[in-house]
């Protein structure tokens, strides 16, 4: 990736799958984040145990990141990783994290709602952070949309209402949607990365996206090699346009 400058940002999005491989073997998620070495990291399926285990926020802070964490569901990893609607069955939480080495002007967590509750017990929210990119405010939204297709499309449409209309914005995460469906639900944004991301060992679909507003220039982008989970990371170098027109 090109080196970061004050007028651009590098961003990686990665579905971490509890920090477990498809065989449910732990991998070094903080080490993966360190190797990304980007200004901003959007992480999905972040496991935060109630007792013991590695705290990703602590490890990310050690790497120089400001961390915004949002649990989406009670969860457990034994006997297998899964989310649950019953907190008494949980041993921690499963959620989102947005990491930034750039100055953070403001943050908020917004509810994206759901049309169908029966199949998806997670509360789907977005982390919105206004970052200072060389003096330009850029809103970055970290998301993990529902695996229920009508929910995911509706959640992305709802997110559009939270994004600034006259300011650069980036949406990064596991959308559980193919690219054309995602951009149809978020019509002001286009894909910064194009390439298959899931399943990681032999991907046939792109579910993981970095979506940018028209006032963002894509300097470079890539789907990265497998990093431990069942999704491949996506990465882009982005620059706010001096003249969006």
C-alpha atoms as a PDB file:
ATOM      1  CA  UNK A   1       0.000   0.000   0.000  1.00  0.00           C
ATOM      2  CA  UNK A   2       1.191   3.584  -0.602  1.00  0.00           C
ATOM      3  CA  UNK A   3       2.380   5.422   2.470  1.00  0.00           C
ATOM      4  CA  UNK A   4      -0.279   7.494   4.195  1.00  0.00           C
ATOM      5  CA  UNK A   5      -0.066  11.275   3.878  1.00  0.00           C
ATOM      6  CA  UNK A   6      -1.964  14.000   5.642  1.00  0.00           C
ATOM      7  CA  UNK A   7      -4.274  14.387   2.616  1.00  0.00           C
ATOM      8  CA  UNK A   8      -5.297  10.746   2.241  1.00  0.00           C
ATOM      9  CA  UNK A   9      -6.121   7.713   4.330  1.00  0.00           C
ATOM     10  CA  UNK A  10      -5.560   4.004   4.067  1.00  0.00           C
ATOM     11  CA  UNK A  11      -8.396   1.779   5.261  1.00  0.00           C
ATOM     12  CA  UNK A  12      -8.800  -1.957   5.745  1.00  0.00           C
ATOM     13  CA  UNK A  13     -12.041  -3.824   6.432  1.00  0.00           C
ATOM     14  CA  UNK A  14     -11.982  -7.370   7.806  1.00  0.00           C
ATOM     15  CA  UNK A  15     -14.571  -9.808   9.120  1.00  0.00           C
ATOM     16  CA  UNK A  16     -12.541 -11.436  11.888  1.00  0.00           C
ATOM     17  CA  UNK A  17     -14.910 -14.348  12.739  1.00  0.00           C
ATOM     18  CA  UNK A  18     -14.325 -14.178  16.521  1.00  0.00           C
ATOM     19  CA  UNK A  19     -10.575 -14.305  15.833  1.00  0.00           C
ATOM     20  CA  UNK A  20     -11.022 -17.958  14.832  1.00  0.00           C
ATOM     21  CA  UNK A  21     -10.240 -19.912  11.682  1.00  0.00           C
ATOM     22  CA  UNK A  22     -12.929 -22.003   9.989  1.00  0.00           C
ATOM     23  CA  UNK A  23     -11.664 -24.876  12.145  1.00  0.00           C
ATOM     24  CA  UNK A  24     -12.325 -22.730  15.247  1.00  0.00           C
ATOM     25  CA  UNK A  25      -8.616 -22.382  15.981  1.00  0.00           C
ATOM     26  CA  UNK A  26      -7.579 -18.964  17.343  1.00  0.00           C
ATOM     27  CA  UNK A  27      -5.391 -16.796  15.141  1.00  0.00           C
ATOM     28  CA  UNK A  28      -3.428 -13.661  16.091  1.00  0.00           C
ATOM     29  CA  UNK A  29      -5.946 -10.906  15.287  1.00  0.00           C
ATOM     30  CA  UNK A  30      -3.869  -8.081  16.869  1.00  0.00           C
ATOM     31  CA  UNK A  31      -0.938  -9.294  14.784  1.00  0.00           C
ATOM     32  CA  UNK A  32      -3.106  -9.219  11.657  1.00  0.00           C
ATOM     33  CA  UNK A  33      -4.181  -5.639  12.434  1.00  0.00           C
ATOM     34  CA  UNK A  34      -0.547  -4.676  12.984  1.00  0.00           C
ATOM     35  CA  UNK A  35       0.391  -6.111   9.576  1.00  0.00           C
ATOM     36  CA  UNK A  36      -2.434  -4.172   7.896  1.00  0.00           C
ATOM     37  CA  UNK A  37      -0.664  -1.021   9.159  1.00  0.00           C
ATOM     38  CA  UNK A  38      -3.416   1.260   7.827  1.00  0.00           C
ATOM     39  CA  UNK A  39      -4.778   4.521   9.208  1.00  0.00           C
ATOM     40  CA  UNK A  40      -8.249   3.071   9.745  1.00  0.00           C
ATOM     41  CA  UNK A  41      -9.464  -0.499  10.314  1.00  0.00           C
ATOM     42  CA  UNK A  42     -13.104  -1.611  10.294  1.00  0.00           C
ATOM     43  CA  UNK A  43     -13.489  -4.969  12.052  1.00  0.00           C
ATOM     44  CA  UNK A  44     -16.564  -7.179  12.172  1.00  0.00           C
ATOM     45  CA  UNK A  45     -17.355 -10.240  14.326  1.00  0.00           C
ATOM     46  CA  UNK A  46     -15.054  -9.030  17.080  1.00  0.00           C
ATOM     47  CA  UNK A  47     -15.102 -11.336  20.107  1.00  0.00           C
ATOM     48  CA  UNK A  48     -14.898  -9.605  23.490  1.00  0.00           C
ATOM     49  CA  UNK A  49     -14.861 -12.184  26.317  1.00  0.00           C
ATOM     50  CA  UNK A  50     -16.409 -11.323  29.671  1.00  0.00           C
ATOM     51  CA  UNK A  51     -13.487 -12.894  31.518  1.00  0.00           C
ATOM     52  CA  UNK A  52      -9.976 -13.692  30.371  1.00  0.00           C
ATOM     53  CA  UNK A  53      -8.718 -13.706  26.807  1.00  0.00           C
ATOM     54  CA  UNK A  54      -7.100 -10.941  24.808  1.00  0.00           C
ATOM     55  CA  UNK A  55      -8.830  -7.571  24.737  1.00  0.00           C
ATOM     56  CA  UNK A  56      -8.696  -6.272  21.166  1.00  0.00           C
ATOM     57  CA  UNK A  57      -9.282  -2.653  22.268  1.00  0.00           C
ATOM     58  CA  UNK A  58      -6.247  -2.856  24.575  1.00  0.00           C
ATOM     59  CA  UNK A  59      -4.089  -4.436  21.878  1.00  0.00           C
ATOM     60  CA  UNK A  60      -5.233  -1.933  19.239  1.00  0.00           C
ATOM     61  CA  UNK A  61      -4.509   0.956  21.594  1.00  0.00           C
ATOM     62  CA  UNK A  62      -1.001  -0.430  21.995  1.00  0.00           C
ATOM     63  CA  UNK A  63      -0.634  -0.145  18.202  1.00  0.00           C
ATOM     64  CA  UNK A  64      -1.570   3.520  18.333  1.00  0.00           C
ATOM     65  CA  UNK A  65      -5.254   3.287  17.416  1.00  0.00           C
ATOM     66  CA  UNK A  66      -8.207   5.124  18.893  1.00  0.00           C
ATOM     67  CA  UNK A  67     -10.812   2.362  19.361  1.00  0.00           C
ATOM     68  CA  UNK A  68     -14.600   2.609  19.078  1.00  0.00           C
ATOM     69  CA  UNK A  69     -16.276  -0.687  19.976  1.00  0.00           C
ATOM     70  CA  UNK A  70     -19.970  -1.597  19.594  1.00  0.00           C
ATOM     71  CA  UNK A  71     -21.296  -5.008  20.718  1.00  0.00           C
ATOM     72  CA  UNK A  72     -24.040  -6.408  18.481  1.00  0.00           C
ATOM     73  CA  UNK A  73     -25.026  -9.545  20.347  1.00  0.00           C
ATOM     74  CA  UNK A  74     -24.307 -11.749  23.360  1.00  0.00           C
ATOM     75  CA  UNK A  75     -22.090 -14.571  22.198  1.00  0.00           C
ATOM     76  CA  UNK A  76     -20.042 -17.617  23.111  1.00  0.00           C
ATOM     77  CA  UNK A  77     -17.237 -19.617  21.508  1.00  0.00           C
ATOM     78  CA  UNK A  78     -17.648 -22.932  23.340  1.00  0.00           C
ATOM     79  CA  UNK A  79     -18.536 -25.489  22.071  1.00  0.00           C
ATOM     80  CA  UNK A  80     -18.600 -23.421  18.856  1.00  0.00           C
ATOM     81  CA  UNK A  81     -18.708 -19.718  18.021  1.00  0.00           C
ATOM     82  CA  UNK A  82     -22.253 -18.398  17.808  1.00  0.00           C
ATOM     83  CA  UNK A  83     -24.425 -15.483  18.830  1.00  0.00           C
ATOM     84  CA  UNK A  84     -27.415 -15.910  21.110  1.00  0.00           C
ATOM     85  CA  UNK A  85     -30.526 -14.022  22.141  1.00  0.00           C
ATOM     86  CA  UNK A  86     -30.051 -15.239  25.718  1.00  0.00           C
ATOM     87  CA  UNK A  87     -27.441 -13.308  27.750  1.00  0.00           C
ATOM     88  CA  UNK A  88     -27.262 -16.048  30.409  1.00  0.00           C
ATOM     89  CA  UNK A  89     -25.861 -18.390  27.728  1.00  0.00           C
ATOM     90  CA  UNK A  90     -23.147 -15.926  26.698  1.00  0.00           C
ATOM     91  CA  UNK A  91     -19.506 -15.651  27.707  1.00  0.00           C
ATOM     92  CA  UNK A  92     -18.899 -12.332  25.983  1.00  0.00           C
ATOM     93  CA  UNK A  93     -20.060 -10.211  23.065  1.00  0.00           C
ATOM     94  CA  UNK A  94     -19.761 -10.248  19.283  1.00  0.00           C
ATOM     95  CA  UNK A  95     -19.616  -6.933  17.526  1.00  0.00           C
ATOM     96  CA  UNK A  96     -17.934  -4.136  15.602  1.00  0.00           C
ATOM     97  CA  UNK A  97     -14.774  -2.144  16.145  1.00  0.00           C
ATOM     98  CA  UNK A  98     -13.504   0.913  14.308  1.00  0.00           C
ATOM     99  CA  UNK A  99      -9.821   1.706  14.794  1.00  0.00           C
ATOM    100  CA  UNK A 100      -8.290   5.034  13.752  1.00  0.00           C
ATOM    101  CA  UNK A 101      -4.815   6.517  13.871  1.00  0.00           C
ATOM    102  CA  UNK A 102      -6.208   9.733  12.396  1.00  0.00           C
ATOM    103  CA  UNK A 103      -7.653  12.434  14.679  1.00  0.00           C
ATOM    104  CA  UNK A 104     -11.257  11.606  15.626  1.00  0.00           C
ATOM    105  CA  UNK A 105     -13.504  14.685  15.712  1.00  0.00           C
ATOM    106  CA  UNK A 106     -16.671  12.915  16.843  1.00  0.00           C
ATOM    107  CA  UNK A 107     -18.278   9.480  17.063  1.00  0.00           C
ATOM    108  CA  UNK A 108     -21.762   8.047  17.388  1.00  0.00           C
ATOM    109  CA  UNK A 109     -23.451   4.654  17.152  1.00  0.00           C
ATOM    110  CA  UNK A 110     -26.711   4.512  15.187  1.00  0.00           C
ATOM    111  CA  UNK A 111     -29.367   1.809  15.041  1.00  0.00           C
ATOM    112  CA  UNK A 112     -29.939   0.336  11.566  1.00  0.00           C
ATOM    113  CA  UNK A 113     -33.085  -1.597  12.509  1.00  0.00           C
ATOM    114  CA  UNK A 114     -34.371  -4.816  10.933  1.00  0.00           C
ATOM    115  CA  UNK A 115     -37.430  -5.910   9.006  1.00  0.00           C
ATOM    116  CA  UNK A 116     -37.355  -9.554  10.089  1.00  0.00           C
ATOM    117  CA  UNK A 117     -36.270 -10.369  13.648  1.00  0.00           C
ATOM    118  CA  UNK A 118     -36.865 -14.100  13.826  1.00  0.00           C
ATOM    119  CA  UNK A 119     -33.678 -15.274  12.089  1.00  0.00           C
ATOM    120  CA  UNK A 120     -31.192 -12.611  13.145  1.00  0.00           C
ATOM    121  CA  UNK A 121     -30.872 -11.980  16.876  1.00  0.00           C
ATOM    122  CA  UNK A 122     -28.110  -9.361  16.542  1.00  0.00           C
ATOM    123  CA  UNK A 123     -28.785  -5.668  16.990  1.00  0.00           C
ATOM    124  CA  UNK A 124     -27.371  -4.174  13.808  1.00  0.00           C
ATOM    125  CA  UNK A 125     -25.792  -0.771  14.347  1.00  0.00           C
ATOM    126  CA  UNK A 126     -23.226   1.370  12.571  1.00  0.00           C
ATOM    127  CA  UNK A 127     -20.261   3.143  14.129  1.00  0.00           C
ATOM    128  CA  UNK A 128     -19.914   6.605  12.589  1.00  0.00           C
ATOM    129  CA  UNK A 129     -16.695   8.533  13.148  1.00  0.00           C
ATOM    130  CA  UNK A 130     -15.811  11.917  11.716  1.00  0.00           C
ATOM    131  CA  UNK A 131     -12.076  11.833  11.044  1.00  0.00           C
ATOM    132  CA  UNK A 132      -9.685  14.644  10.251  1.00  0.00           C
ATOM    133  CA  UNK A 133      -7.897  13.842   6.992  1.00  0.00           C
ATOM    134  CA  UNK A 134      -5.431  16.642   6.399  1.00  0.00           C
ATOM    135  CA  UNK A 135      -7.942  19.195   7.633  1.00  0.00           C
ATOM    136  CA  UNK A 136     -10.866  17.706   5.708  1.00  0.00           C
ATOM    137  CA  UNK A 137     -13.655  16.045   7.720  1.00  0.00           C
ATOM    138  CA  UNK A 138     -14.398  12.537   6.418  1.00  0.00           C
ATOM    139  CA  UNK A 139     -17.144  10.390   7.917  1.00  0.00           C
ATOM    140  CA  UNK A 140     -16.307   6.684   8.124  1.00  0.00           C
ATOM    141  CA  UNK A 141     -19.088   4.207   8.901  1.00  0.00           C
ATOM    142  CA  UNK A 142     -18.202   0.709  10.139  1.00  0.00           C
ATOM    143  CA  UNK A 143     -20.980  -1.818   9.532  1.00  0.00           C
ATOM    144  CA  UNK A 144     -21.866  -5.499   9.615  1.00  0.00           C
ATOM    145  CA  UNK A 145     -25.242  -5.948   7.972  1.00  0.00           C
ATOM    146  CA  UNK A 146     -27.675  -8.794   8.552  1.00  0.00           C
ATOM    147  CA  UNK A 147     -27.337 -12.097   6.727  1.00  0.00           C
ATOM    148  CA  UNK A 148     -31.101 -11.827   6.048  1.00  0.00           C
ATOM    149  CA  UNK A 149     -31.178 -10.150   2.621  1.00  0.00           C
ATOM    150  CA  UNK A 150     -34.228  -7.871   3.128  1.00  0.00           C
ATOM    151  CA  UNK A 151     -32.752  -6.714   6.426  1.00  0.00           C
ATOM    152  CA  UNK A 152     -29.342  -5.963   4.925  1.00  0.00           C
ATOM    153  CA  UNK A 153     -30.703  -3.868   2.043  1.00  0.00           C
ATOM    154  CA  UNK A 154     -33.023  -1.946   4.367  1.00  0.00           C
ATOM    155  CA  UNK A 155     -30.183  -1.339   6.838  1.00  0.00           C
ATOM    156  CA  UNK A 156     -27.968   0.135   4.137  1.00  0.00           C
ATOM    157  CA  UNK A 157     -30.801   2.393   2.970  1.00  0.00           C
ATOM    158  CA  UNK A 158     -31.308   3.535   6.558  1.00  0.00           C
ATOM    159  CA  UNK A 159     -27.588   4.213   6.938  1.00  0.00           C
ATOM    160  CA  UNK A 160     -27.778   6.578   3.959  1.00  0.00           C
ATOM    161  CA  UNK A 161     -29.925   8.911   6.055  1.00  0.00           C
ATOM    162  CA  UNK A 162     -27.176   9.217   8.681  1.00  0.00           C
ATOM    163  CA  UNK A 163     -24.396  10.105   6.227  1.00  0.00           C
ATOM    164  CA  UNK A 164     -23.625  13.769   5.458  1.00  0.00           C
ATOM    165  CA  UNK A 165     -24.746  14.887   2.012  1.00  0.00           C
ATOM    166  CA  UNK A 166     -22.068  17.538   1.484  1.00  0.00           C
ATOM    167  CA  UNK A 167     -19.059  15.873   3.094  1.00  0.00           C
ATOM    168  CA  UNK A 168     -16.877  12.930   2.051  1.00  0.00           C
ATOM    169  CA  UNK A 169     -17.993   9.602   3.512  1.00  0.00           C
ATOM    170  CA  UNK A 170     -16.810   6.005   3.473  1.00  0.00           C
ATOM    171  CA  UNK A 171     -18.790   2.896   4.430  1.00  0.00           C
ATOM    172  CA  UNK A 172     -16.717  -0.187   5.263  1.00  0.00           C
ATOM    173  CA  UNK A 173     -17.689  -3.661   6.366  1.00  0.00           C
ATOM    174  CA  UNK A 174     -19.340  -6.979   5.680  1.00  0.00           C
ATOM    175  CA  UNK A 175     -22.536  -6.016   3.850  1.00  0.00           C
ATOM    176  CA  UNK A 176     -23.739  -9.574   3.203  1.00  0.00           C
ATOM    177  CA  UNK A 177     -24.721  -8.153  -0.193  1.00  0.00           C
ATOM    178  CA  UNK A 178     -23.217  -8.349  -3.665  1.00  0.00           C
ATOM    179  CA  UNK A 179     -21.755  -5.095  -4.942  1.00  0.00           C
ATOM    180  CA  UNK A 180     -24.569  -4.059  -7.326  1.00  0.00           C
ATOM    181  CA  UNK A 181     -27.186  -4.601  -4.604  1.00  0.00           C
ATOM    182  CA  UNK A 182     -25.130  -2.637  -2.088  1.00  0.00           C
ATOM    183  CA  UNK A 183     -24.649   0.352  -4.376  1.00  0.00           C
ATOM    184  CA  UNK A 184     -28.341   0.289  -5.317  1.00  0.00           C
ATOM    185  CA  UNK A 185     -29.212   0.584  -1.621  1.00  0.00           C
ATOM    186  CA  UNK A 186     -26.602   3.340  -1.120  1.00  0.00           C
ATOM    187  CA  UNK A 187     -26.874   5.181  -4.462  1.00  0.00           C
ATOM    188  CA  UNK A 188     -24.454   8.076  -3.747  1.00  0.00           C
ATOM    189  CA  UNK A 189     -21.622   5.639  -3.122  1.00  0.00           C
ATOM    190  CA  UNK A 190     -19.555   3.405  -5.366  1.00  0.00           C
ATOM    191  CA  UNK A 191     -17.303   0.450  -4.724  1.00  0.00           C
ATOM    192  CA  UNK A 192     -13.677   1.258  -4.025  1.00  0.00           C
ATOM    193  CA  UNK A 193     -12.709  -2.443  -4.148  1.00  0.00           C
ATOM    194  CA  UNK A 194     -13.881  -5.058  -6.611  1.00  0.00           C
ATOM    195  CA  UNK A 195     -12.965  -8.677  -6.062  1.00  0.00           C
ATOM    196  CA  UNK A 196     -14.191 -11.866  -4.442  1.00  0.00           C
ATOM    197  CA  UNK A 197     -13.839 -12.037  -0.664  1.00  0.00           C
ATOM    198  CA  UNK A 198     -15.836 -15.049   0.561  1.00  0.00           C
ATOM    199  CA  UNK A 199     -15.141 -17.826   1.419  1.00  0.00           C
ATOM    200  CA  UNK A 200     -11.500 -16.967   1.981  1.00  0.00           C
ATOM    201  CA  UNK A 201      -9.951 -20.239   0.776  1.00  0.00           C
ATOM    202  CA  UNK A 202     -11.696 -20.119  -2.620  1.00  0.00           C
ATOM    203  CA  UNK A 203     -13.851 -16.987  -2.868  1.00  0.00           C
ATOM    204  CA  UNK A 204     -16.794 -16.825  -5.251  1.00  0.00           C
ATOM    205  CA  UNK A 205     -18.595 -13.711  -3.928  1.00  0.00           C
ATOM    206  CA  UNK A 206     -17.793 -10.210  -2.747  1.00  0.00           C
ATOM    207  CA  UNK A 207     -19.640  -9.533   0.504  1.00  0.00           C
ATOM    208  CA  UNK A 208     -17.039  -7.191   2.002  1.00  0.00           C
ATOM    209  CA  UNK A 209     -17.039  -3.652   0.691  1.00  0.00           C
ATOM    210  CA  UNK A 210     -15.522  -0.207   0.952  1.00  0.00           C
ATOM    211  CA  UNK A 211     -18.087   2.216  -0.471  1.00  0.00           C
ATOM    212  CA  UNK A 212     -17.113   5.830  -1.140  1.00  0.00           C
ATOM    213  CA  UNK A 213     -19.023   9.038  -1.877  1.00  0.00           C
ATOM    214  CA  UNK A 214     -18.349  11.004  -5.101  1.00  0.00           C
ATOM    215  CA  UNK A 215     -16.008  13.399  -3.304  1.00  0.00           C
ATOM    216  CA  UNK A 216     -13.557  10.577  -2.518  1.00  0.00           C
ATOM    217  CA  UNK A 217     -10.879   9.537  -5.011  1.00  0.00           C
ATOM    218  CA  UNK A 218      -9.759   5.902  -4.950  1.00  0.00           C
ATOM    219  CA  UNK A 219      -5.966   5.980  -5.219  1.00  0.00           C
ATOM    220  CA  UNK A 220      -5.532   2.200  -4.990  1.00  0.00           C
ATOM    221  CA  UNK A 221      -7.455  -0.824  -3.756  1.00  0.00           C
ATOM    222  CA  UNK A 222      -7.126  -4.571  -3.324  1.00  0.00           C
ATOM    223  CA  UNK A 223      -8.583  -7.752  -1.912  1.00  0.00           C
ATOM    224  CA  UNK A 224      -5.871  -9.091   0.379  1.00  0.00           C
ATOM    225  CA  UNK A 225      -4.747 -12.652   0.946  1.00  0.00           C
ATOM    226  CA  UNK A 226      -6.541 -14.718   3.621  1.00  0.00           C
ATOM    227  CA  UNK A 227      -5.727 -13.435   7.104  1.00  0.00           C
ATOM    228  CA  UNK A 228      -7.198 -16.158   9.314  1.00  0.00           C
ATOM    229  CA  UNK A 229     -10.989 -15.991   9.100  1.00  0.00           C
ATOM    230  CA  UNK A 230     -13.470 -17.124   6.458  1.00  0.00           C
ATOM    231  CA  UNK A 231     -13.464 -13.666   4.797  1.00  0.00           C
ATOM    232  CA  UNK A 232     -10.609 -11.962   2.966  1.00  0.00           C
ATOM    233  CA  UNK A 233      -9.778  -8.394   3.981  1.00  0.00           C
ATOM    234  CA  UNK A 234     -10.339  -5.472   1.603  1.00  0.00           C
ATOM    235  CA  UNK A 235      -8.086  -2.429   1.580  1.00  0.00           C
ATOM    236  CA  UNK A 236      -8.006   0.948  -0.140  1.00  0.00           C
ATOM    237  CA  UNK A 237      -6.092   4.193  -0.201  1.00  0.00           C
ATOM    238  CA  UNK A 238      -8.533   7.090  -0.456  1.00  0.00           C
ATOM    239  CA  UNK A 239      -8.171  10.840  -0.975  1.00  0.00           C
ATOM    240  CA  UNK A 240     -10.824  13.540  -0.509  1.00  0.00           C
ATOM    241  CA  UNK A 241     -11.212  15.381  -3.818  1.00  0.00           C
ATOM    242  CA  UNK A 242     -10.215  19.017  -3.871  1.00  0.00           C
ATOM    243  CA  UNK A 243     -13.036  19.647  -6.350  1.00  0.00           C
ATOM    244  CA  UNK A 244     -15.751  16.936  -6.231  1.00  0.00           C
ATOM    245  CA  UNK A 245     -17.288  18.337  -9.406  1.00  0.00           C
END
